PDB file of N, CA and C in Angstrom:
ATOM      1  N   MET A   1      89.973 130.869 -48.942  1.00  0.00           N
ATOM      2  CA  MET A   1      91.292 130.914 -48.373  1.00  0.00           C
ATOM      3  C   MET A   1      91.147 130.767 -46.852  1.00  0.00           C
ATOM      4  N   LYS A   2      91.939 129.897 -46.262  1.00  0.00           N
ATOM      5  CA  LYS A   2      91.907 129.716 -44.816  1.00  0.00           C
ATOM      6  C   LYS A   2      92.554 130.921 -44.139  1.00  0.00           C
ATOM      7  N   VAL A   3      92.025 131.253 -42.980  1.00  0.00           N
ATOM      8  CA  VAL A   3      92.497 132.422 -42.251  1.00  0.00           C
ATOM      9  C   VAL A   3      92.821 132.013 -40.823  1.00  0.00           C
ATOM     10  N   GLU A   4      93.907 132.534 -40.273  1.00  0.00           N
ATOM     11  CA  GLU A   4      94.220 132.338 -38.864  1.00  0.00           C
ATOM     12  C   GLU A   4      94.103 133.696 -38.183  1.00  0.00           C
ATOM     13  N   LEU A   5      93.179 133.790 -37.235  1.00  0.00           N
ATOM     14  CA  LEU A   5      92.909 135.052 -36.568  1.00  0.00           C
ATOM     15  C   LEU A   5      93.808 135.242 -35.357  1.00  0.00           C
ATOM     16  N   ILE A   6      93.930 136.493 -34.915  1.00  0.00           N
ATOM     17  CA  ILE A   6      94.736 136.762 -33.733  1.00  0.00           C
ATOM     18  C   ILE A   6      94.007 136.239 -32.496  1.00  0.00           C
ATOM     19  N   ILE A   7      94.707 136.037 -31.415  1.00  0.00           N
ATOM     20  CA  ILE A   7      94.221 135.330 -30.225  1.00  0.00           C
ATOM     21  C   ILE A   7      92.891 135.838 -29.657  1.00  0.00           C
ATOM     22  N   PRO A   8      92.664 137.123 -29.399  1.00  0.00           N
ATOM     23  CA  PRO A   8      91.399 137.469 -28.746  1.00  0.00           C
ATOM     24  C   PRO A   8      90.168 137.261 -29.638  1.00  0.00           C
ATOM     25  N   ILE A   9      90.348 137.172 -30.960  1.00  0.00           N
ATOM     26  CA  ILE A   9      89.218 136.998 -31.871  1.00  0.00           C
ATOM     27  C   ILE A   9      89.133 135.528 -32.244  1.00  0.00           C
ATOM     28  N   GLU A  10      88.027 134.900 -31.863  1.00  0.00           N
ATOM     29  CA  GLU A  10      87.863 133.478 -32.131  1.00  0.00           C
ATOM     30  C   GLU A  10      87.324 133.227 -33.540  1.00  0.00           C
ATOM     31  N   THR A  11      86.233 133.910 -33.901  1.00  0.00           N
ATOM     32  CA  THR A  11      85.659 133.756 -35.231  1.00  0.00           C
ATOM     33  C   THR A  11      85.128 135.095 -35.729  1.00  0.00           C
ATOM     34  N   LEU A  12      85.008 135.204 -37.041  1.00  0.00           N
ATOM     35  CA  LEU A  12      84.398 136.366 -37.688  1.00  0.00           C
ATOM     36  C   LEU A  12      83.326 135.858 -38.629  1.00  0.00           C
ATOM     37  N   ARG A  13      82.273 136.671 -38.804  1.00  0.00           N
ATOM     38  CA  ARG A  13      81.224 136.312 -39.741  1.00  0.00           C
ATOM     39  C   ARG A  13      80.731 137.575 -40.422  1.00  0.00           C
ATOM     40  N   GLY A  14      80.705 137.555 -41.748  1.00  0.00           N
ATOM     41  CA  GLY A  14      80.206 138.693 -42.509  1.00  0.00           C
ATOM     42  C   GLY A  14      81.323 139.559 -43.055  1.00  0.00           C
ATOM     43  N   ALA A  15      80.939 140.674 -43.661  1.00  0.00           N
ATOM     44  CA  ALA A  15      81.892 141.607 -44.260  1.00  0.00           C
ATOM     45  C   ALA A  15      82.316 142.638 -43.225  1.00  0.00           C
ATOM     46  N   LEU A  16      83.588 142.900 -43.154  1.00  0.00           N
ATOM     47  CA  LEU A  16      84.098 143.912 -42.230  1.00  0.00           C
ATOM     48  C   LEU A  16      84.117 145.290 -42.883  1.00  0.00           C
ATOM     49  N   ARG A  17      84.509 145.333 -44.132  1.00  0.00           N
ATOM     50  CA  ARG A  17      84.565 146.576 -44.889  1.00  0.00           C
ATOM     51  C   ARG A  17      83.881 146.353 -46.226  1.00  0.00           C
ATOM     52  N   LYS A  18      83.772 147.385 -47.014  1.00  0.00           N
ATOM     53  CA  LYS A  18      83.184 147.274 -48.350  1.00  0.00           C
ATOM     54  C   LYS A  18      84.281 146.998 -49.379  1.00  0.00           C
ATOM     55  N   ASP A  19      85.182 146.076 -49.052  1.00  0.00           N
ATOM     56  CA  ASP A  19      86.292 145.787 -49.947  1.00  0.00           C
ATOM     57  C   ASP A  19      86.056 144.560 -50.826  1.00  0.00           C
ATOM     58  N   GLY A  20      84.868 143.953 -50.728  1.00  0.00           N
ATOM     59  CA  GLY A  20      84.554 142.837 -51.601  1.00  0.00           C
ATOM     60  C   GLY A  20      84.863 141.472 -51.019  1.00  0.00           C
ATOM     61  N   TYR A  21      85.167 141.387 -49.726  1.00  0.00           N
ATOM     62  CA  TYR A  21      85.451 140.103 -49.084  1.00  0.00           C
ATOM     63  C   TYR A  21      84.579 139.936 -47.847  1.00  0.00           C
ATOM     64  N   TYR A  22      84.280 138.676 -47.505  1.00  0.00           N
ATOM     65  CA  TYR A  22      83.545 138.391 -46.276  1.00  0.00           C
ATOM     66  C   TYR A  22      84.136 137.166 -45.597  1.00  0.00           C
ATOM     67  N   PHE A  23      83.881 137.062 -44.297  1.00  0.00           N
ATOM     68  CA  PHE A  23      84.402 135.972 -43.481  1.00  0.00           C
ATOM     69  C   PHE A  23      83.282 135.014 -43.124  1.00  0.00           C
ATOM     70  N   ARG A  24      83.612 133.729 -43.029  1.00  0.00           N
ATOM     71  CA  ARG A  24      82.650 132.738 -42.567  1.00  0.00           C
ATOM     72  C   ARG A  24      83.392 131.562 -41.954  1.00  0.00           C
ATOM     73  N   LEU A  25      82.648 130.769 -41.188  1.00  0.00           N
ATOM     74  CA  LEU A  25      83.197 129.579 -40.555  1.00  0.00           C
ATOM     75  C   LEU A  25      82.647 128.379 -41.305  1.00  0.00           C
ATOM     76  N   TYR A  26      83.513 127.540 -41.859  1.00  0.00           N
ATOM     77  CA  TYR A  26      83.101 126.369 -42.623  1.00  0.00           C
ATOM     78  C   TYR A  26      83.775 125.138 -42.046  1.00  0.00           C
ATOM     79  N   ARG A  27      82.964 124.253 -41.476  1.00  0.00           N
ATOM     80  CA  ARG A  27      83.461 123.010 -40.868  1.00  0.00           C
ATOM     81  C   ARG A  27      84.577 123.255 -39.863  1.00  0.00           C
ATOM     82  N   GLY A  28      84.402 124.303 -39.064  1.00  0.00           N
ATOM     83  CA  GLY A  28      85.361 124.615 -38.017  1.00  0.00           C
ATOM     84  C   GLY A  28      86.583 125.379 -38.479  1.00  0.00           C
ATOM     85  N   VAL A  29      86.650 125.742 -39.752  1.00  0.00           N
ATOM     86  CA  VAL A  29      87.795 126.474 -40.297  1.00  0.00           C
ATOM     87  C   VAL A  29      87.328 127.872 -40.690  1.00  0.00           C
ATOM     88  N   GLN A  30      88.059 128.878 -40.259  1.00  0.00           N
ATOM     89  CA  GLN A  30      87.738 130.266 -40.608  1.00  0.00           C
ATOM     90  C   GLN A  30      88.189 130.523 -42.042  1.00  0.00           C
ATOM     91  N   ILE A  31      87.272 131.048 -42.858  1.00  0.00           N
ATOM     92  CA  ILE A  31      87.546 131.258 -44.274  1.00  0.00           C
ATOM     93  C   ILE A  31      87.201 132.693 -44.655  1.00  0.00           C
ATOM     94  N   VAL A  32      87.998 133.261 -45.574  1.00  0.00           N
ATOM     95  CA  VAL A  32      87.670 134.556 -46.170  1.00  0.00           C
ATOM     96  C   VAL A  32      87.420 134.304 -47.653  1.00  0.00           C
ATOM     97  N   GLN A  33      86.322 134.896 -48.170  1.00  0.00           N
ATOM     98  CA  GLN A  33      85.957 134.700 -49.568  1.00  0.00           C
ATOM     99  C   GLN A  33      85.596 136.022 -50.213  1.00  0.00           C
ATOM    100  N   ARG A  34      85.729 136.050 -51.523  1.00  0.00           N
ATOM    101  CA  ARG A  34      85.320 137.225 -52.276  1.00  0.00           C
ATOM    102  C   ARG A  34      83.802 137.219 -52.396  1.00  0.00           C
ATOM    103  N   CYS A  35      83.189 138.388 -52.230  1.00  0.00           N
ATOM    104  CA  CYS A  35      81.739 138.508 -52.371  1.00  0.00           C
ATOM    105  C   CYS A  35      81.359 138.309 -53.838  1.00  0.00           C
ATOM    106  N   PRO A  36      80.247 137.633 -54.092  1.00  0.00           N
ATOM    107  CA  PRO A  36      79.827 137.447 -55.475  1.00  0.00           C
ATOM    108  C   PRO A  36      79.415 138.772 -56.111  1.00  0.00           C
ATOM    109  N   ASN A  37      79.763 138.955 -57.363  1.00  0.00           N
ATOM    110  CA  ASN A  37      79.405 140.159 -58.107  1.00  0.00           C
ATOM    111  C   ASN A  37      78.317 139.776 -59.108  1.00  0.00           C
ATOM    112  N   ARG A  38      77.075 140.154 -58.819  1.00  0.00           N
ATOM    113  CA  ARG A  38      75.956 139.795 -59.682  1.00  0.00           C
ATOM    114  C   ARG A  38      75.431 141.013 -60.441  1.00  0.00           C
ATOM    115  N   SER A  39      76.248 142.055 -60.550  1.00  0.00           N
ATOM    116  CA  SER A  39      75.787 143.286 -61.183  1.00  0.00           C
ATOM    117  C   SER A  39      75.494 143.095 -62.670  1.00  0.00           C
ATOM    118  N   GLY A  40      76.220 142.254 -63.363  1.00  0.00           N
ATOM    119  CA  GLY A  40      75.999 142.059 -64.787  1.00  0.00           C
ATOM    120  C   GLY A  40      75.177 140.820 -65.096  1.00  0.00           C
ATOM    121  N   HIS A  41      74.593 140.212 -64.073  1.00  0.00           N
ATOM    122  CA  HIS A  41      73.851 138.963 -64.256  1.00  0.00           C
ATOM    123  C   HIS A  41      72.479 139.211 -64.852  1.00  0.00           C
ATOM    124  N   THR A  42      72.125 138.435 -65.848  1.00  0.00           N
ATOM    125  CA  THR A  42      70.765 138.465 -66.390  1.00  0.00           C
ATOM    126  C   THR A  42      70.094 137.158 -66.017  1.00  0.00           C
ATOM    127  N   LYS A  43      68.850 137.241 -65.583  1.00  0.00           N
ATOM    128  CA  LYS A  43      68.123 136.060 -65.130  1.00  0.00           C
ATOM    129  C   LYS A  43      67.823 135.125 -66.291  1.00  0.00           C
ATOM    130  N   THR A  44      67.943 133.832 -66.018  1.00  0.00           N
ATOM    131  CA  THR A  44      67.499 132.851 -66.993  1.00  0.00           C
ATOM    132  C   THR A  44      65.983 132.724 -66.859  1.00  0.00           C
ATOM    133  N   ALA A  45      65.371 132.069 -67.807  1.00  0.00           N
ATOM    134  CA  ALA A  45      63.923 131.870 -67.761  1.00  0.00           C
ATOM    135  C   ALA A  45      63.535 131.084 -66.507  1.00  0.00           C
ATOM    136  N   ALA A  46      64.343 130.112 -66.127  1.00  0.00           N
ATOM    137  CA  ALA A  46      64.053 129.303 -64.938  1.00  0.00           C
ATOM    138  C   ALA A  46      64.162 130.137 -63.660  1.00  0.00           C
ATOM    139  N   GLU A  47      65.167 131.022 -63.584  1.00  0.00           N
ATOM    140  CA  GLU A  47      65.317 131.886 -62.404  1.00  0.00           C
ATOM    141  C   GLU A  47      64.133 132.837 -62.276  1.00  0.00           C
ATOM    142  N   ALA A  48      63.727 133.432 -63.369  1.00  0.00           N
ATOM    143  CA  ALA A  48      62.590 134.359 -63.342  1.00  0.00           C
ATOM    144  C   ALA A  48      61.312 133.627 -62.938  1.00  0.00           C
ATOM    145  N   ALA A  49      61.116 132.413 -63.454  1.00  0.00           N
ATOM    146  CA  ALA A  49      59.936 131.628 -63.100  1.00  0.00           C
ATOM    147  C   ALA A  49      59.951 131.274 -61.623  1.00  0.00           C
ATOM    148  N   ASN A  50      61.119 130.908 -61.088  1.00  0.00           N
ATOM    149  CA  ASN A  50      61.230 130.583 -59.659  1.00  0.00           C
ATOM    150  C   ASN A  50      60.922 131.790 -58.791  1.00  0.00           C
ATOM    151  N   GLN A  51      61.385 132.981 -59.189  1.00  0.00           N
ATOM    152  CA  GLN A  51      61.101 134.188 -58.416  1.00  0.00           C
ATOM    153  C   GLN A  51      59.611 134.516 -58.426  1.00  0.00           C
ATOM    154  N   ARG A  52      58.961 134.371 -59.584  1.00  0.00           N
ATOM    155  CA  ARG A  52      57.518 134.623 -59.654  1.00  0.00           C
ATOM    156  C   ARG A  52      56.748 133.621 -58.795  1.00  0.00           C
ATOM    157  N   LYS A  53      57.153 132.356 -58.839  1.00  0.00           N
ATOM    158  CA  LYS A  53      56.500 131.314 -58.048  1.00  0.00           C
ATOM    159  C   LYS A  53      56.663 131.577 -56.548  1.00  0.00           C
ATOM    160  N   PHE A  54      57.877 131.984 -56.139  1.00  0.00           N
ATOM    161  CA  PHE A  54      58.141 132.303 -54.735  1.00  0.00           C
ATOM    162  C   PHE A  54      57.291 133.493 -54.294  1.00  0.00           C
ATOM    163  N   ALA A  55      57.226 134.538 -55.119  1.00  0.00           N
ATOM    164  CA  ALA A  55      56.458 135.738 -54.771  1.00  0.00           C
ATOM    165  C   ALA A  55      54.971 135.417 -54.657  1.00  0.00           C
ATOM    166  N   ALA A  56      54.472 134.557 -55.539  1.00  0.00           N
ATOM    167  CA  ALA A  56      53.059 134.194 -55.489  1.00  0.00           C
ATOM    168  C   ALA A  56      52.734 133.404 -54.225  1.00  0.00           C
ATOM    169  N   LYS A  57      53.675 132.565 -53.799  1.00  0.00           N
ATOM    170  CA  LYS A  57      53.427 131.719 -52.628  1.00  0.00           C
ATOM    171  C   LYS A  57      53.648 132.465 -51.316  1.00  0.00           C
ATOM    172  N   TYR A  58      54.719 133.248 -51.215  1.00  0.00           N
ATOM    173  CA  TYR A  58      55.106 133.854 -49.940  1.00  0.00           C
ATOM    174  C   TYR A  58      54.951 135.366 -49.889  1.00  0.00           C
ATOM    175  N   GLY A  59      54.754 136.022 -51.012  1.00  0.00           N
ATOM    176  CA  GLY A  59      54.674 137.481 -51.028  1.00  0.00           C
ATOM    177  C   GLY A  59      53.319 137.956 -50.559  1.00  0.00           C
ATOM    178  N   ARG A  60      53.259 138.429 -49.339  1.00  0.00           N
ATOM    179  CA  ARG A  60      52.011 138.944 -48.788  1.00  0.00           C
ATOM    180  C   ARG A  60      52.249 140.353 -48.261  1.00  0.00           C
ATOM    181  N   ARG A  61      51.217 141.158 -48.331  1.00  0.00           N
ATOM    182  CA  ARG A  61      51.300 142.500 -47.780  1.00  0.00           C
ATOM    183  C   ARG A  61      51.221 142.409 -46.266  1.00  0.00           C
ATOM    184  N   LYS A  62      52.030 143.199 -45.588  1.00  0.00           N
ATOM    185  CA  LYS A  62      52.010 143.208 -44.125  1.00  0.00           C
ATOM    186  C   LYS A  62      50.697 143.789 -43.629  1.00  0.00           C
ATOM    187  N   PRO A  63      50.184 143.283 -42.520  1.00  0.00           N
ATOM    188  CA  PRO A  63      48.987 143.894 -41.937  1.00  0.00           C
ATOM    189  C   PRO A  63      49.272 145.329 -41.502  1.00  0.00           C
ATOM    190  N   ALA A  64      48.228 146.136 -41.407  1.00  0.00           N
ATOM    191  CA  ALA A  64      48.395 147.545 -41.053  1.00  0.00           C
ATOM    192  C   ALA A  64      49.081 147.697 -39.701  1.00  0.00           C
ATOM    193  N   SER A  65      48.835 146.761 -38.778  1.00  0.00           N
ATOM    194  CA  SER A  65      49.450 146.863 -37.462  1.00  0.00           C
ATOM    195  C   SER A  65      50.971 146.699 -37.548  1.00  0.00           C
ATOM    196  N   ASP A  66      51.451 145.868 -38.472  1.00  0.00           N
ATOM    197  CA  ASP A  66      52.889 145.682 -38.636  1.00  0.00           C
ATOM    198  C   ASP A  66      53.540 146.863 -39.347  1.00  0.00           C
ATOM    199  N   ALA A  67      52.783 147.560 -40.171  1.00  0.00           N
ATOM    200  CA  ALA A  67      53.316 148.684 -40.921  1.00  0.00           C
ATOM    201  C   ALA A  67      53.329 149.963 -40.088  1.00  0.00           C
ATOM    202  N   GLY A  68      52.817 149.896 -38.851  1.00  0.00           N
ATOM    203  CA  GLY A  68      52.804 151.058 -37.983  1.00  0.00           C
ATOM    204  C   GLY A  68      51.596 151.945 -38.197  1.00  0.00           C
ATOM    205  N   LEU A  69      50.588 151.456 -38.891  1.00  0.00           N
ATOM    206  CA  LEU A  69      49.383 152.242 -39.137  1.00  0.00           C
ATOM    207  C   LEU A  69      48.318 151.896 -38.113  1.00  0.00           C
ATOM    208  N   THR A  70      47.456 152.849 -37.855  1.00  0.00           N
ATOM    209  CA  THR A  70      46.309 152.579 -36.983  1.00  0.00           C
ATOM    210  C   THR A  70      45.158 152.087 -37.839  1.00  0.00           C
ATOM    211  N   ASN A  71      44.083 151.661 -37.204  1.00  0.00           N
ATOM    212  CA  ASN A  71      42.928 151.162 -37.944  1.00  0.00           C
ATOM    213  C   ASN A  71      42.347 152.205 -38.881  1.00  0.00           C
ATOM    214  N   GLU A  72      42.392 153.475 -38.504  1.00  0.00           N
ATOM    215  CA  GLU A  72      41.835 154.529 -39.333  1.00  0.00           C
ATOM    216  C   GLU A  72      42.678 154.759 -40.580  1.00  0.00           C
ATOM    217  N   GLU A  73      43.959 154.431 -40.528  1.00  0.00           N
ATOM    218  CA  GLU A  73      44.861 154.705 -41.640  1.00  0.00           C
ATOM    219  C   GLU A  73      45.051 153.505 -42.559  1.00  0.00           C
ATOM    220  N   LYS A  74      44.311 152.435 -42.346  1.00  0.00           N
ATOM    221  CA  LYS A  74      44.498 151.241 -43.175  1.00  0.00           C
ATOM    222  C   LYS A  74      44.288 151.553 -44.647  1.00  0.00           C
ATOM    223  N   ASP A  75      45.055 150.907 -45.450  1.00  0.00           N
ATOM    224  CA  ASP A  75      44.952 151.069 -46.895  1.00  0.00           C
ATOM    225  C   ASP A  75      43.675 150.384 -47.370  1.00  0.00           C
ATOM    226  N   PRO A  76      42.719 151.105 -47.925  1.00  0.00           N
ATOM    227  CA  PRO A  76      41.432 150.496 -48.308  1.00  0.00           C
ATOM    228  C   PRO A  76      41.560 149.506 -49.465  1.00  0.00           C
ATOM    229  N   THR A  77      42.640 149.587 -50.241  1.00  0.00           N
ATOM    230  CA  THR A  77      42.789 148.677 -51.370  1.00  0.00           C
ATOM    231  C   THR A  77      43.262 147.298 -50.954  1.00  0.00           C
ATOM    232  N   HIS A  78      43.802 147.162 -49.747  1.00  0.00           N
ATOM    233  CA  HIS A  78      44.339 145.874 -49.278  1.00  0.00           C
ATOM    234  C   HIS A  78      43.749 145.544 -47.923  1.00  0.00           C
ATOM    235  N   GLU A  79      42.540 145.020 -47.892  1.00  0.00           N
ATOM    236  CA  GLU A  79      41.929 144.690 -46.599  1.00  0.00           C
ATOM    237  C   GLU A  79      41.914 143.232 -46.343  1.00  0.00           C
TER     238      GLU A  79
END
């Protein structure tokens, strides 16, 4: 749904409240949309395979320095 905002606000992006709607700018037009409800969604075999493939390629454990640990506190199982 197209939205016309009041004068001091030029654009909005994201959800303002937890009411199930969010704002975005699409091709120069301000739009409000309902947030997708995926609570009852079950993954298809293709979706599950894509998630496993993504995790295998990009899923890495953060280094100890990024996790806020010192060298003495490093996890010995993931070196």
